[in-house]
mmCIF file of all heavy atoms, coordinates in Angstrom:
data_MODEL
# 
_entry.id   MODEL 
# 
loop_
_atom_site.group_PDB 
_atom_site.id 
_atom_site.type_symbol 
_atom_site.label_atom_id 
_atom_site.label_alt_id 
_atom_site.label_comp_id 
_atom_site.label_asym_id 
_atom_site.label_entity_id 
_atom_site.label_seq_id 
_atom_site.pdbx_PDB_ins_code 
_atom_site.Cartn_x 
_atom_site.Cartn_y 
_atom_site.Cartn_z 
_atom_site.occupancy 
_atom_site.B_iso_or_equiv 
_atom_site.pdbx_formal_charge 
_atom_site.auth_seq_id 
_atom_site.auth_comp_id 
_atom_site.auth_asym_id 
_atom_site.auth_atom_id 
_atom_site.pdbx_PDB_model_num 
ATOM 1   N N   . LEU A 1 1  ? 21.977 58.686 -10.662 1.00 0.00 ? 1  LEU A N   1 
ATOM 2   C CA  . LEU A 1 1  ? 21.703 58.171 -9.325  1.00 0.00 ? 1  LEU A CA  1 
ATOM 3   C C   . LEU A 1 1  ? 22.840 57.257 -8.838  1.00 0.00 ? 1  LEU A C   1 
ATOM 4   O O   . LEU A 1 1  ? 23.367 57.453 -7.747  1.00 0.00 ? 1  LEU A O   1 
ATOM 5   C CB  . LEU A 1 1  ? 20.341 57.485 -9.262  1.00 0.00 ? 1  LEU A CB  1 
ATOM 6   C CG  . LEU A 1 1  ? 19.859 57.128 -7.863  1.00 0.00 ? 1  LEU A CG  1 
ATOM 7   C CD1 . LEU A 1 1  ? 19.809 58.358 -6.959  1.00 0.00 ? 1  LEU A CD1 1 
ATOM 8   C CD2 . LEU A 1 1  ? 18.482 56.485 -7.944  1.00 0.00 ? 1  LEU A CD2 1 
ATOM 9   N N   . PRO A 1 2  ? 23.265 56.267 -9.656  1.00 0.00 ? 2  PRO A N   1 
ATOM 10  C CA  . PRO A 1 2  ? 24.422 55.461 -9.223  1.00 0.00 ? 2  PRO A CA  1 
ATOM 11  C C   . PRO A 1 2  ? 25.692 56.297 -9.064  1.00 0.00 ? 2  PRO A C   1 
ATOM 12  O O   . PRO A 1 2  ? 26.471 56.081 -8.133  1.00 0.00 ? 2  PRO A O   1 
ATOM 13  C CB  . PRO A 1 2  ? 24.575 54.425 -10.337 1.00 0.00 ? 2  PRO A CB  1 
ATOM 14  C CG  . PRO A 1 2  ? 23.241 54.329 -10.960 1.00 0.00 ? 2  PRO A CG  1 
ATOM 15  C CD  . PRO A 1 2  ? 22.635 55.706 -10.846 1.00 0.00 ? 2  PRO A CD  1 
ATOM 16  N N   . ALA A 1 3  ? 25.897 57.290 -9.950  1.00 0.00 ? 3  ALA A N   1 
ATOM 17  C CA  . ALA A 1 3  ? 27.088 58.130 -9.849  1.00 0.00 ? 3  ALA A CA  1 
ATOM 18  C C   . ALA A 1 3  ? 27.108 58.868 -8.532  1.00 0.00 ? 3  ALA A C   1 
ATOM 19  O O   . ALA A 1 3  ? 28.130 58.873 -7.822  1.00 0.00 ? 3  ALA A O   1 
ATOM 20  C CB  . ALA A 1 3  ? 27.156 59.098 -11.035 1.00 0.00 ? 3  ALA A CB  1 
ATOM 21  N N   . LEU A 1 4  ? 26.000 59.469 -8.173  1.00 0.00 ? 4  LEU A N   1 
ATOM 22  C CA  . LEU A 1 4  ? 25.910 60.209 -6.919  1.00 0.00 ? 4  LEU A CA  1 
ATOM 23  C C   . LEU A 1 4  ? 26.076 59.270 -5.729  1.00 0.00 ? 4  LEU A C   1 
ATOM 24  O O   . LEU A 1 4  ? 26.810 59.580 -4.776  1.00 0.00 ? 4  LEU A O   1 
ATOM 25  C CB  . LEU A 1 4  ? 24.569 60.938 -6.841  1.00 0.00 ? 4  LEU A CB  1 
ATOM 26  C CG  . LEU A 1 4  ? 24.343 61.797 -5.598  1.00 0.00 ? 4  LEU A CG  1 
ATOM 27  C CD1 . LEU A 1 4  ? 25.357 62.921 -5.529  1.00 0.00 ? 4  LEU A CD1 1 
ATOM 28  C CD2 . LEU A 1 4  ? 22.924 62.356 -5.608  1.00 0.00 ? 4  LEU A CD2 1 
ATOM 29  N N   . ALA A 1 5  ? 25.422 58.124 -5.785  1.00 0.00 ? 5  ALA A N   1 
ATOM 30  C CA  . ALA A 1 5  ? 25.531 57.151 -4.684  1.00 0.00 ? 5  ALA A CA  1 
ATOM 31  C C   . ALA A 1 5  ? 26.969 56.663 -4.514  1.00 0.00 ? 5  ALA A C   1 
ATOM 32  O O   . ALA A 1 5  ? 27.470 56.574 -3.377  1.00 0.00 ? 5  ALA A O   1 
ATOM 33  C CB  . ALA A 1 5  ? 24.604 55.970 -4.936  1.00 0.00 ? 5  ALA A CB  1 
ATOM 34  N N   . LEU A 1 6  ? 27.648 56.361 -5.612  1.00 0.00 ? 6  LEU A N   1 
ATOM 35  C CA  . LEU A 1 6  ? 29.021 55.894 -5.528  1.00 0.00 ? 6  LEU A CA  1 
ATOM 36  C C   . LEU A 1 6  ? 29.971 56.958 -4.977  1.00 0.00 ? 6  LEU A C   1 
ATOM 37  O O   . LEU A 1 6  ? 30.910 56.649 -4.269  1.00 0.00 ? 6  LEU A O   1 
ATOM 38  C CB  . LEU A 1 6  ? 29.499 55.414 -6.907  1.00 0.00 ? 6  LEU A CB  1 
ATOM 39  C CG  . LEU A 1 6  ? 28.896 54.098 -7.375  1.00 0.00 ? 6  LEU A CG  1 
ATOM 40  C CD1 . LEU A 1 6  ? 29.115 53.889 -8.868  1.00 0.00 ? 6  LEU A CD1 1 
ATOM 41  C CD2 . LEU A 1 6  ? 29.437 52.923 -6.573  1.00 0.00 ? 6  LEU A CD2 1 
ATOM 42  N N   . PHE A 1 7  ? 29.689 58.211 -5.313  1.00 0.00 ? 7  PHE A N   1 
ATOM 43  C CA  . PHE A 1 7  ? 30.539 59.301 -4.821  1.00 0.00 ? 7  PHE A CA  1 
ATOM 44  C C   . PHE A 1 7  ? 30.317 59.523 -3.322  1.00 0.00 ? 7  PHE A C   1 
ATOM 45  O O   . PHE A 1 7  ? 31.265 59.681 -2.563  1.00 0.00 ? 7  PHE A O   1 
ATOM 46  C CB  . PHE A 1 7  ? 30.257 60.593 -5.593  1.00 0.00 ? 7  PHE A CB  1 
ATOM 47  C CG  . PHE A 1 7  ? 31.209 61.700 -5.234  1.00 0.00 ? 7  PHE A CG  1 
ATOM 48  C CD1 . PHE A 1 7  ? 32.429 61.805 -5.862  1.00 0.00 ? 7  PHE A CD1 1 
ATOM 49  C CD2 . PHE A 1 7  ? 30.878 62.631 -4.271  1.00 0.00 ? 7  PHE A CD2 1 
ATOM 50  C CE1 . PHE A 1 7  ? 33.307 62.818 -5.540  1.00 0.00 ? 7  PHE A CE1 1 
ATOM 51  C CE2 . PHE A 1 7  ? 31.755 63.652 -3.933  1.00 0.00 ? 7  PHE A CE2 1 
ATOM 52  C CZ  . PHE A 1 7  ? 32.986 63.751 -4.576  1.00 0.00 ? 7  PHE A CZ  1 
ATOM 53  N N   . VAL A 1 8  ? 29.068 59.521 -2.889  1.00 0.00 ? 8  VAL A N   1 
ATOM 54  C CA  . VAL A 1 8  ? 28.717 59.933 -1.525  1.00 0.00 ? 8  VAL A CA  1 
ATOM 55  C C   . VAL A 1 8  ? 28.900 58.818 -0.506  1.00 0.00 ? 8  VAL A C   1 
ATOM 56  O O   . VAL A 1 8  ? 29.276 59.089 0.640   1.00 0.00 ? 8  VAL A O   1 
ATOM 57  C CB  . VAL A 1 8  ? 27.251 60.453 -1.513  1.00 0.00 ? 8  VAL A CB  1 
ATOM 58  C CG1 . VAL A 1 8  ? 26.750 60.659 -0.111  1.00 0.00 ? 8  VAL A CG1 1 
ATOM 59  C CG2 . VAL A 1 8  ? 27.167 61.745 -2.313  1.00 0.00 ? 8  VAL A CG2 1 
ATOM 60  N N   . TYR A 1 9  ? 28.668 57.559 -0.889  1.00 0.00 ? 9  TYR A N   1 
ATOM 61  C CA  . TYR A 1 9  ? 28.658 56.506 0.111   1.00 0.00 ? 9  TYR A CA  1 
ATOM 62  C C   . TYR A 1 9  ? 30.000 56.337 0.821   1.00 0.00 ? 9  TYR A C   1 
ATOM 63  O O   . TYR A 1 9  ? 30.055 55.941 1.992   1.00 0.00 ? 9  TYR A O   1 
ATOM 64  C CB  . TYR A 1 9  ? 28.175 55.173 -0.495  1.00 0.00 ? 9  TYR A CB  1 
ATOM 65  C CG  . TYR A 1 9  ? 29.255 54.201 -0.883  1.00 0.00 ? 9  TYR A CG  1 
ATOM 66  C CD1 . TYR A 1 9  ? 29.548 53.126 -0.047  1.00 0.00 ? 9  TYR A CD1 1 
ATOM 67  C CD2 . TYR A 1 9  ? 29.996 54.356 -2.056  1.00 0.00 ? 9  TYR A CD2 1 
ATOM 68  C CE1 . TYR A 1 9  ? 30.547 52.224 -0.385  1.00 0.00 ? 9  TYR A CE1 1 
ATOM 69  C CE2 . TYR A 1 9  ? 30.968 53.467 -2.392  1.00 0.00 ? 9  TYR A CE2 1 
ATOM 70  C CZ  . TYR A 1 9  ? 31.260 52.405 -1.552  1.00 0.00 ? 9  TYR A CZ  1 
ATOM 71  O OH  . TYR A 1 9  ? 32.252 51.521 -1.876  1.00 0.00 ? 9  TYR A OH  1 
ATOM 72  N N   . ILE A 1 10 ? 31.081 56.678 0.139   1.00 0.00 ? 10 ILE A N   1 
ATOM 73  C CA  . ILE A 1 10 ? 32.423 56.549 0.764   1.00 0.00 ? 10 ILE A CA  1 
ATOM 74  C C   . ILE A 1 10 ? 32.490 57.398 2.027   1.00 0.00 ? 10 ILE A C   1 
ATOM 75  O O   . ILE A 1 10 ? 32.941 56.914 3.095   1.00 0.00 ? 10 ILE A O   1 
ATOM 76  C CB  . ILE A 1 10 ? 33.516 56.961 -0.250  1.00 0.00 ? 10 ILE A CB  1 
ATOM 77  C CG1 . ILE A 1 10 ? 33.556 55.981 -1.420  1.00 0.00 ? 10 ILE A CG1 1 
ATOM 78  C CG2 . ILE A 1 10 ? 34.883 57.061 0.429   1.00 0.00 ? 10 ILE A CG2 1 
ATOM 79  C CD1 . ILE A 1 10 ? 34.442 56.421 -2.580  1.00 0.00 ? 10 ILE A CD1 1 
ATOM 80  N N   . ASP A 1 11 ? 32.050 58.646 1.959   1.00 0.00 ? 11 ASP A N   1 
ATOM 81  C CA  . ASP A 1 11 ? 32.098 59.513 3.136   1.00 0.00 ? 11 ASP A CA  1 
ATOM 82  C C   . ASP A 1 11 ? 30.959 59.262 4.121   1.00 0.00 ? 11 ASP A C   1 
ATOM 83  O O   . ASP A 1 11 ? 31.138 59.470 5.313   1.00 0.00 ? 11 ASP A O   1 
ATOM 84  C CB  . ASP A 1 11 ? 32.097 60.988 2.712   1.00 0.00 ? 11 ASP A CB  1 
ATOM 85  C CG  . ASP A 1 11 ? 33.460 61.455 2.252   1.00 0.00 ? 11 ASP A CG  1 
ATOM 86  O OD1 . ASP A 1 11 ? 34.464 60.771 2.531   1.00 0.00 ? 11 ASP A OD1 1 
ATOM 87  O OD2 . ASP A 1 11 ? 33.528 62.510 1.594   1.00 0.00 ? 11 ASP A OD2 1 
ATOM 88  N N   . LEU A 1 12 ? 29.820 58.797 3.617   1.00 0.00 ? 12 LEU A N   1 
ATOM 89  C CA  . LEU A 1 12 ? 28.715 58.475 4.542   1.00 0.00 ? 12 LEU A CA  1 
ATOM 90  C C   . LEU A 1 12 ? 29.120 57.384 5.520   1.00 0.00 ? 12 LEU A C   1 
ATOM 91  O O   . LEU A 1 12 ? 28.765 57.422 6.690   1.00 0.00 ? 12 LEU A O   1 
ATOM 92  C CB  . LEU A 1 12 ? 27.465 58.057 3.779   1.00 0.00 ? 12 LEU A CB  1 
ATOM 93  C CG  . LEU A 1 12 ? 26.670 59.165 3.113   1.00 0.00 ? 12 LEU A CG  1 
ATOM 94  C CD1 . LEU A 1 12 ? 25.483 58.574 2.337   1.00 0.00 ? 12 LEU A CD1 1 
ATOM 95  C CD2 . LEU A 1 12 ? 26.182 60.176 4.126   1.00 0.00 ? 12 LEU A CD2 1 
ATOM 96  N N   . ILE A 1 13 ? 29.882 56.420 5.033   1.00 0.00 ? 13 ILE A N   1 
ATOM 97  C CA  . ILE A 1 13 ? 30.336 55.317 5.891   1.00 0.00 ? 13 ILE A CA  1 
ATOM 98  C C   . ILE A 1 13 ? 31.706 55.607 6.500   1.00 0.00 ? 13 ILE A C   1 
ATOM 99  O O   . ILE A 1 13 ? 31.943 55.335 7.679   1.00 0.00 ? 13 ILE A O   1 
ATOM 100 C CB  . ILE A 1 13 ? 30.389 54.005 5.087   1.00 0.00 ? 13 ILE A CB  1 
ATOM 101 C CG1 . ILE A 1 13 ? 28.987 53.633 4.592   1.00 0.00 ? 13 ILE A CG1 1 
ATOM 102 C CG2 . ILE A 1 13 ? 30.995 52.872 5.909   1.00 0.00 ? 13 ILE A CG2 1 
ATOM 103 C CD1 . ILE A 1 13 ? 28.964 52.487 3.587   1.00 0.00 ? 13 ILE A CD1 1 
ATOM 104 N N   . GLY A 1 14 ? 32.608 56.178 5.705   1.00 0.00 ? 14 GLY A N   1 
ATOM 105 C CA  . GLY A 1 14 ? 34.000 56.267 6.106   1.00 0.00 ? 14 GLY A CA  1 
ATOM 106 C C   . GLY A 1 14 ? 34.439 57.557 6.765   1.00 0.00 ? 14 GLY A C   1 
ATOM 107 O O   . GLY A 1 14 ? 35.432 57.552 7.505   1.00 0.00 ? 14 GLY A O   1 
ATOM 108 N N   . TYR A 1 15 ? 33.753 58.666 6.517   1.00 0.00 ? 15 TYR A N   1 
ATOM 109 C CA  . TYR A 1 15 ? 34.192 59.927 7.104   1.00 0.00 ? 15 TYR A CA  1 
ATOM 110 C C   . TYR A 1 15 ? 33.213 60.521 8.117   1.00 0.00 ? 15 TYR A C   1 
ATOM 111 O O   . TYR A 1 15 ? 33.605 60.855 9.238   1.00 0.00 ? 15 TYR A O   1 
ATOM 112 C CB  . TYR A 1 15 ? 34.475 60.968 6.006   1.00 0.00 ? 15 TYR A CB  1 
ATOM 113 C CG  . TYR A 1 15 ? 34.792 62.325 6.592   1.00 0.00 ? 15 TYR A CG  1 
ATOM 114 C CD1 . TYR A 1 15 ? 35.993 62.556 7.257   1.00 0.00 ? 15 TYR A CD1 1 
ATOM 115 C CD2 . TYR A 1 15 ? 33.877 63.370 6.492   1.00 0.00 ? 15 TYR A CD2 1 
ATOM 116 C CE1 . TYR A 1 15 ? 36.272 63.779 7.822   1.00 0.00 ? 15 TYR A CE1 1 
ATOM 117 C CE2 . TYR A 1 15 ? 34.146 64.604 7.053   1.00 0.00 ? 15 TYR A CE2 1 
ATOM 118 C CZ  . TYR A 1 15 ? 35.342 64.811 7.713   1.00 0.00 ? 15 TYR A CZ  1 
ATOM 119 O OH  . TYR A 1 15 ? 35.613 66.021 8.278   1.00 0.00 ? 15 TYR A OH  1 
ATOM 120 N N   . LEU A 1 16 ? 31.961 60.633 7.745   1.00 0.00 ? 16 LEU A N   1 
ATOM 121 C CA  . LEU A 1 16 ? 30.996 61.333 8.608   1.00 0.00 ? 16 LEU A CA  1 
ATOM 122 C C   . LEU A 1 16 ? 30.886 60.757 10.016  1.00 0.00 ? 16 LEU A C   1 
ATOM 123 O O   . LEU A 1 16 ? 30.880 61.532 10.984  1.00 0.00 ? 16 LEU A O   1 
ATOM 124 C CB  . LEU A 1 16 ? 29.633 61.406 7.950   1.00 0.00 ? 16 LEU A CB  1 
ATOM 125 C CG  . LEU A 1 16 ? 29.542 62.420 6.809   1.00 0.00 ? 16 LEU A CG  1 
ATOM 126 C CD1 . LEU A 1 16 ? 28.164 62.392 6.161   1.00 0.00 ? 16 LEU A CD1 1 
ATOM 127 C CD2 . LEU A 1 16 ? 29.885 63.824 7.268   1.00 0.00 ? 16 LEU A CD2 1 
ATOM 128 N N   . PRO A 1 17 ? 30.820 59.442 10.215  1.00 0.00 ? 17 PRO A N   1 
ATOM 129 C CA  . PRO A 1 17 ? 30.740 58.936 11.599  1.00 0.00 ? 17 PRO A CA  1 
ATOM 130 C C   . PRO A 1 17 ? 31.948 59.371 12.444  1.00 0.00 ? 17 PRO A C   1 
ATOM 131 O O   . PRO A 1 17 ? 31.774 59.778 13.597  1.00 0.00 ? 17 PRO A O   1 
ATOM 132 C CB  . PRO A 1 17 ? 30.690 57.421 11.434  1.00 0.00 ? 17 PRO A CB  1 
ATOM 133 C CG  . PRO A 1 17 ? 30.138 57.209 10.054  1.00 0.00 ? 17 PRO A CG  1 
ATOM 134 C CD  . PRO A 1 17 ? 30.689 58.347 9.233   1.00 0.00 ? 17 PRO A CD  1 
ATOM 135 N N   . GLY A 1 18 ? 33.153 59.285 11.877  1.00 0.00 ? 18 GLY A N   1 
ATOM 136 C CA  . GLY A 1 18 ? 34.350 59.691 12.610  1.00 0.00 ? 18 GLY A CA  1 
ATOM 137 C C   . GLY A 1 18 ? 34.401 61.186 12.854  1.00 0.00 ? 18 GLY A C   1 
ATOM 138 O O   . GLY A 1 18 ? 34.824 61.643 13.929  1.00 0.00 ? 18 GLY A O   1 
ATOM 139 N N   . ALA A 1 19 ? 33.977 61.974 11.877  1.00 0.00 ? 19 ALA A N   1 
ATOM 140 C CA  . ALA A 1 19 ? 33.970 63.427 12.042  1.00 0.00 ? 19 ALA A CA  1 
ATOM 141 C C   . ALA A 1 19 ? 33.006 63.845 13.163  1.00 0.00 ? 19 ALA A C   1 
ATOM 142 O O   . ALA A 1 19 ? 33.315 64.700 13.978  1.00 0.00 ? 19 ALA A O   1 
ATOM 143 C CB  . ALA A 1 19 ? 33.597 64.110 10.725  1.00 0.00 ? 19 ALA A CB  1 
ATOM 144 N N   . ILE A 1 20 ? 31.839 63.214 13.184  1.00 0.00 ? 20 ILE A N   1 
ATOM 145 C CA  . ILE A 1 20 ? 30.858 63.503 14.232  1.00 0.00 ? 20 ILE A CA  1 
ATOM 146 C C   . ILE A 1 20 ? 31.405 63.081 15.591  1.00 0.00 ? 20 ILE A C   1 
ATOM 147 O O   . ILE A 1 20 ? 31.351 63.863 16.570  1.00 0.00 ? 20 ILE A O   1 
ATOM 148 C CB  . ILE A 1 20 ? 29.508 62.820 13.927  1.00 0.00 ? 20 ILE A CB  1 
ATOM 149 C CG1 . ILE A 1 20 ? 28.872 63.474 12.696  1.00 0.00 ? 20 ILE A CG1 1 
ATOM 150 C CG2 . ILE A 1 20 ? 28.575 62.878 15.133  1.00 0.00 ? 20 ILE A CG2 1 
ATOM 151 C CD1 . ILE A 1 20 ? 27.697 62.701 12.110  1.00 0.00 ? 20 ILE A CD1 1 
ATOM 152 N N   . ALA A 1 21 ? 31.974 61.874 15.677  1.00 0.00 ? 21 ALA A N   1 
ATOM 153 C CA  . ALA A 1 21 ? 32.526 61.408 16.940  1.00 0.00 ? 21 ALA A CA  1 
ATOM 154 C C   . ALA A 1 21 ? 33.671 62.318 17.412  1.00 0.00 ? 21 ALA A C   1 
ATOM 155 O O   . ALA A 1 21 ? 33.773 62.619 18.593  1.00 0.00 ? 21 ALA A O   1 
ATOM 156 C CB  . ALA A 1 21 ? 33.021 59.962 16.786  1.00 0.00 ? 21 ALA A CB  1 
ATOM 157 N N   . HIS A 1 22 ? 34.495 62.748 16.470  1.00 0.00 ? 22 HIS A N   1 
ATOM 158 C CA  . HIS A 1 22 ? 35.619 63.624 16.804  1.00 0.00 ? 22 HIS A CA  1 
ATOM 159 C C   . HIS A 1 22 ? 35.121 64.940 17.393  1.00 0.00 ? 22 HIS A C   1 
ATOM 160 O O   . HIS A 1 22 ? 35.647 65.416 18.401  1.00 0.00 ? 22 HIS A O   1 
ATOM 161 C CB  . HIS A 1 22 ? 36.471 63.878 15.549  1.00 0.00 ? 22 HIS A CB  1 
ATOM 162 C CG  . HIS A 1 22 ? 37.596 64.834 15.766  1.00 0.00 ? 22 HIS A CG  1 
ATOM 163 N ND1 . HIS A 1 22 ? 38.775 64.459 16.344  1.00 0.00 ? 22 HIS A ND1 1 
ATOM 164 C CD2 . HIS A 1 22 ? 37.706 66.162 15.479  1.00 0.00 ? 22 HIS A CD2 1 
ATOM 165 C CE1 . HIS A 1 22 ? 39.575 65.506 16.398  1.00 0.00 ? 22 HIS A CE1 1 
ATOM 166 N NE2 . HIS A 1 22 ? 38.952 66.554 15.890  1.00 0.00 ? 22 HIS A NE2 1 
ATOM 167 N N   . ARG A 1 23 ? 34.121 65.528 16.784  1.00 0.00 ? 23 ARG A N   1 
ATOM 168 C CA  . ARG A 1 23 ? 33.595 66.796 17.266  1.00 0.00 ? 23 ARG A CA  1 
ATOM 169 C C   . ARG A 1 23 ? 32.906 66.634 18.624  1.00 0.00 ? 23 ARG A C   1 
ATOM 170 O O   . ARG A 1 23 ? 33.023 67.488 19.490  1.00 0.00 ? 23 ARG A O   1 
ATOM 171 C CB  . ARG A 1 23 ? 32.659 67.399 16.242  1.00 0.00 ? 23 ARG A CB  1 
ATOM 172 C CG  . ARG A 1 23 ? 33.444 68.070 15.117  1.00 0.00 ? 23 ARG A CG  1 
ATOM 173 C CD  . ARG A 1 23 ? 32.570 68.451 13.939  1.00 0.00 ? 23 ARG A CD  1 
ATOM 174 N NE  . ARG A 1 23 ? 33.317 69.019 12.842  1.00 0.00 ? 23 ARG A NE  1 
ATOM 175 C CZ  . ARG A 1 23 ? 34.079 68.352 11.982  1.00 0.00 ? 23 ARG A CZ  1 
ATOM 176 N NH1 . ARG A 1 23 ? 34.237 67.049 12.112  1.00 0.00 ? 23 ARG A NH1 1 
ATOM 177 N NH2 . ARG A 1 23 ? 34.718 68.972 11.005  1.00 0.00 ? 23 ARG A NH2 1 
ATOM 178 N N   . ARG A 1 24 ? 32.214 65.517 18.801  1.00 0.00 ? 24 ARG A N   1 
ATOM 179 C CA  . ARG A 1 24 ? 31.524 65.272 20.086  1.00 0.00 ? 24 ARG A CA  1 
ATOM 180 C C   . ARG A 1 24 ? 32.503 64.936 21.198  1.00 0.00 ? 24 ARG A C   1 
ATOM 181 O O   . ARG A 1 24 ? 32.178 65.127 22.370  1.00 0.00 ? 24 ARG A O   1 
ATOM 182 C CB  . ARG A 1 24 ? 30.516 64.137 19.915  1.00 0.00 ? 24 ARG A CB  1 
ATOM 183 C CG  . ARG A 1 24 ? 29.298 64.542 19.148  1.00 0.00 ? 24 ARG A CG  1 
ATOM 184 C CD  . ARG A 1 24 ? 28.299 63.406 19.083  1.00 0.00 ? 24 ARG A CD  1 
ATOM 185 N NE  . ARG A 1 24 ? 27.083 63.824 18.401  1.00 0.00 ? 24 ARG A NE  1 
ATOM 186 C CZ  . ARG A 1 24 ? 26.152 62.997 17.999  1.00 0.00 ? 24 ARG A CZ  1 
ATOM 187 N NH1 . ARG A 1 24 ? 26.261 61.701 18.229  1.00 0.00 ? 24 ARG A NH1 1 
ATOM 188 N NH2 . ARG A 1 24 ? 25.088 63.447 17.385  1.00 0.00 ? 24 ARG A NH2 1 
ATOM 189 N N   . ALA A 1 25 ? 33.678 64.428 20.850  1.00 0.00 ? 25 ALA A N   1 
ATOM 190 C CA  . ALA A 1 25 ? 34.643 63.993 21.868  1.00 0.00 ? 25 ALA A CA  1 
ATOM 191 C C   . ALA A 1 25 ? 35.277 65.167 22.580  1.00 0.00 ? 25 ALA A C   1 
ATOM 192 O O   . ALA A 1 25 ? 35.887 64.966 23.650  1.00 0.00 ? 25 ALA A O   1 
ATOM 193 C CB  . ALA A 1 25 ? 35.723 63.122 21.218  1.00 0.00 ? 25 ALA A CB  1 
ATOM 194 N N   . GLY A 1 26 ? 35.199 66.351 22.037  1.00 0.00 ? 26 GLY A N   1 
ATOM 195 C CA  . GLY A 1 26 ? 35.734 67.519 22.732  1.00 0.00 ? 26 GLY A CA  1 
ATOM 196 C C   . GLY A 1 26 ? 37.204 67.443 23.056  1.00 0.00 ? 26 GLY A C   1 
ATOM 197 O O   . GLY A 1 26 ? 37.616 67.802 24.157  1.00 0.00 ? 26 GLY A O   1 
ATOM 198 N N   . GLY A 1 27 ? 37.993 66.930 22.131  1.00 0.00 ? 27 GLY A N   1 
ATOM 199 C CA  . GLY A 1 27 ? 39.450 66.859 22.352  1.00 0.00 ? 27 GLY A CA  1 
ATOM 200 C C   . GLY A 1 27 ? 39.931 65.502 22.871  1.00 0.00 ? 27 GLY A C   1 
ATOM 201 O O   . GLY A 1 27 ? 41.130 65.248 22.879  1.00 0.00 ? 27 GLY A O   1 
ATOM 202 N N   . ARG A 1 28 ? 39.012 64.657 23.315  1.00 0.00 ? 28 ARG A N   1 
ATOM 203 C CA  . ARG A 1 28 ? 39.409 63.307 23.750  1.00 0.00 ? 28 ARG A CA  1 
ATOM 204 C C   . ARG A 1 28 ? 39.575 62.412 22.537  1.00 0.00 ? 28 ARG A C   1 
ATOM 205 O O   . ARG A 1 28 ? 39.041 62.688 21.469  1.00 0.00 ? 28 ARG A O   1 
ATOM 206 C CB  . ARG A 1 28 ? 38.356 62.723 24.702  1.00 0.00 ? 28 ARG A CB  1 
ATOM 207 C CG  . ARG A 1 28 ? 38.210 63.487 25.993  1.00 0.00 ? 28 ARG A CG  1 
ATOM 208 C CD  . ARG A 1 28 ? 37.164 62.876 26.944  1.00 0.00 ? 28 ARG A CD  1 
ATOM 209 N NE  . ARG A 1 28 ? 35.935 62.429 26.299  1.00 0.00 ? 28 ARG A NE  1 
ATOM 210 C CZ  . ARG A 1 28 ? 34.874 63.178 26.058  1.00 0.00 ? 28 ARG A CZ  1 
ATOM 211 N NH1 . ARG A 1 28 ? 34.881 64.467 26.397  1.00 0.00 ? 28 ARG A NH1 1 
ATOM 212 N NH2 . ARG A 1 28 ? 33.787 62.687 25.486  1.00 0.00 ? 28 ARG A NH2 1 
ATOM 213 N N   . ARG A 1 29 ? 40.285 61.329 22.695  1.00 0.00 ? 29 ARG A N   1 
ATOM 214 C CA  . ARG A 1 29 ? 40.463 60.362 21.603  1.00 0.00 ? 29 ARG A CA  1 
ATOM 215 C C   . ARG A 1 29 ? 39.140 59.668 21.309  1.00 0.00 ? 29 ARG A C   1 
ATOM 216 O O   . ARG A 1 29 ? 38.322 59.471 22.197  1.00 0.00 ? 29 ARG A O   1 
ATOM 217 C CB  . ARG A 1 29 ? 41.510 59.305 21.993  1.00 0.00 ? 29 ARG A CB  1 
ATOM 218 C CG  . ARG A 1 29 ? 42.896 59.846 22.151  1.00 0.00 ? 29 ARG A CG  1 
ATOM 219 C CD  . ARG A 1 29 ? 43.512 60.022 20.815  1.00 0.00 ? 29 ARG A CD  1 
ATOM 220 N NE  . ARG A 1 29 ? 44.848 60.561 20.942  1.00 0.00 ? 29 ARG A NE  1 
ATOM 221 C CZ  . ARG A 1 29 ? 45.623 60.834 19.942  1.00 0.00 ? 29 ARG A CZ  1 
ATOM 222 N NH1 . ARG A 1 29 ? 45.184 60.638 18.725  1.00 0.00 ? 29 ARG A NH1 1 
ATOM 223 N NH2 . ARG A 1 29 ? 46.806 61.331 20.109  1.00 0.00 ? 29 ARG A NH2 1 
ATOM 224 N N   . ILE A 1 30 ? 38.978 59.280 20.047  1.00 0.00 ? 30 ILE A N   1 
ATOM 225 C CA  . ILE A 1 30 ? 37.795 58.522 19.659  1.00 0.00 ? 30 ILE A CA  1 
ATOM 226 C C   . ILE A 1 30 ? 38.237 57.086 19.383  1.00 0.00 ? 30 ILE A C   1 
ATOM 227 O O   . ILE A 1 30 ? 39.425 56.822 19.163  1.00 0.00 ? 30 ILE A O   1 
ATOM 228 C CB  . ILE A 1 30 ? 37.092 59.139 18.437  1.00 0.00 ? 30 ILE A CB  1 
ATOM 229 C CG1 . ILE A 1 30 ? 38.010 59.150 17.201  1.00 0.00 ? 30 ILE A CG1 1 
ATOM 230 C CG2 . ILE A 1 30 ? 36.610 60.538 18.765  1.00 0.00 ? 30 ILE A CG2 1 
ATOM 231 C CD1 . ILE A 1 30 ? 37.314 59.579 15.915  1.00 0.00 ? 30 ILE A CD1 1 
ATOM 232 N N   . PRO A 1 31 ? 37.310 56.128 19.401  1.00 0.00 ? 31 PRO A N   1 
ATOM 233 C CA  . PRO A 1 31 ? 37.691 54.731 19.148  1.00 0.00 ? 31 PRO A CA  1 
ATOM 234 C C   . PRO A 1 31 ? 38.347 54.545 17.776  1.00 0.00 ? 31 PRO A C   1 
ATOM 235 O O   . PRO A 1 31 ? 38.022 55.238 16.815  1.00 0.00 ? 31 PRO A O   1 
ATOM 236 C CB  . PRO A 1 31 ? 36.351 53.990 19.209  1.00 0.00 ? 31 PRO A CB  1 
ATOM 237 C CG  . PRO A 1 31 ? 35.481 54.847 20.068  1.00 0.00 ? 31 PRO A CG  1 
ATOM 238 C CD  . PRO A 1 31 ? 35.892 56.253 19.769  1.00 0.00 ? 31 PRO A CD  1 
ATOM 239 N N   . ARG A 1 32 ? 39.260 53.600 17.716  1.00 0.00 ? 32 ARG A N   1 
ATOM 240 C CA  . ARG A 1 32 ? 39.974 53.292 16.484  1.00 0.00 ? 32 ARG A CA  1 
ATOM 241 C C   . ARG A 1 32 ? 39.041 52.839 15.357  1.00 0.00 ? 32 ARG A C   1 
ATOM 242 O O   . ARG A 1 32 ? 39.403 52.887 14.194  1.00 0.00 ? 32 ARG A O   1 
ATOM 243 C CB  . ARG A 1 32 ? 41.018 52.205 16.733  1.00 0.00 ? 32 ARG A CB  1 
ATOM 244 C CG  . ARG A 1 32 ? 42.178 52.656 17.550  1.00 0.00 ? 32 ARG A CG  1 
ATOM 245 C CD  . ARG A 1 32 ? 43.163 51.525 17.732  1.00 0.00 ? 32 ARG A CD  1 
ATOM 246 N NE  . ARG A 1 32 ? 44.367 52.037 18.387  1.00 0.00 ? 32 ARG A NE  1 
ATOM 247 C CZ  . ARG A 1 32 ? 45.473 51.375 18.475  1.00 0.00 ? 32 ARG A CZ  1 
ATOM 248 N NH1 . ARG A 1 32 ? 45.572 50.162 17.942  1.00 0.00 ? 32 ARG A NH1 1 
ATOM 249 N NH2 . ARG A 1 32 ? 46.520 51.885 19.076  1.00 0.00 ? 32 ARG A NH2 1 
# 
């Protein structure tokens, strides 16, 4: 459980929000 949490939390916080915003932006810039 800690192994999985440590692996996944990096992208849950650091990648997924930006990836979603990027896709929703439709080619426009997203916030820094």
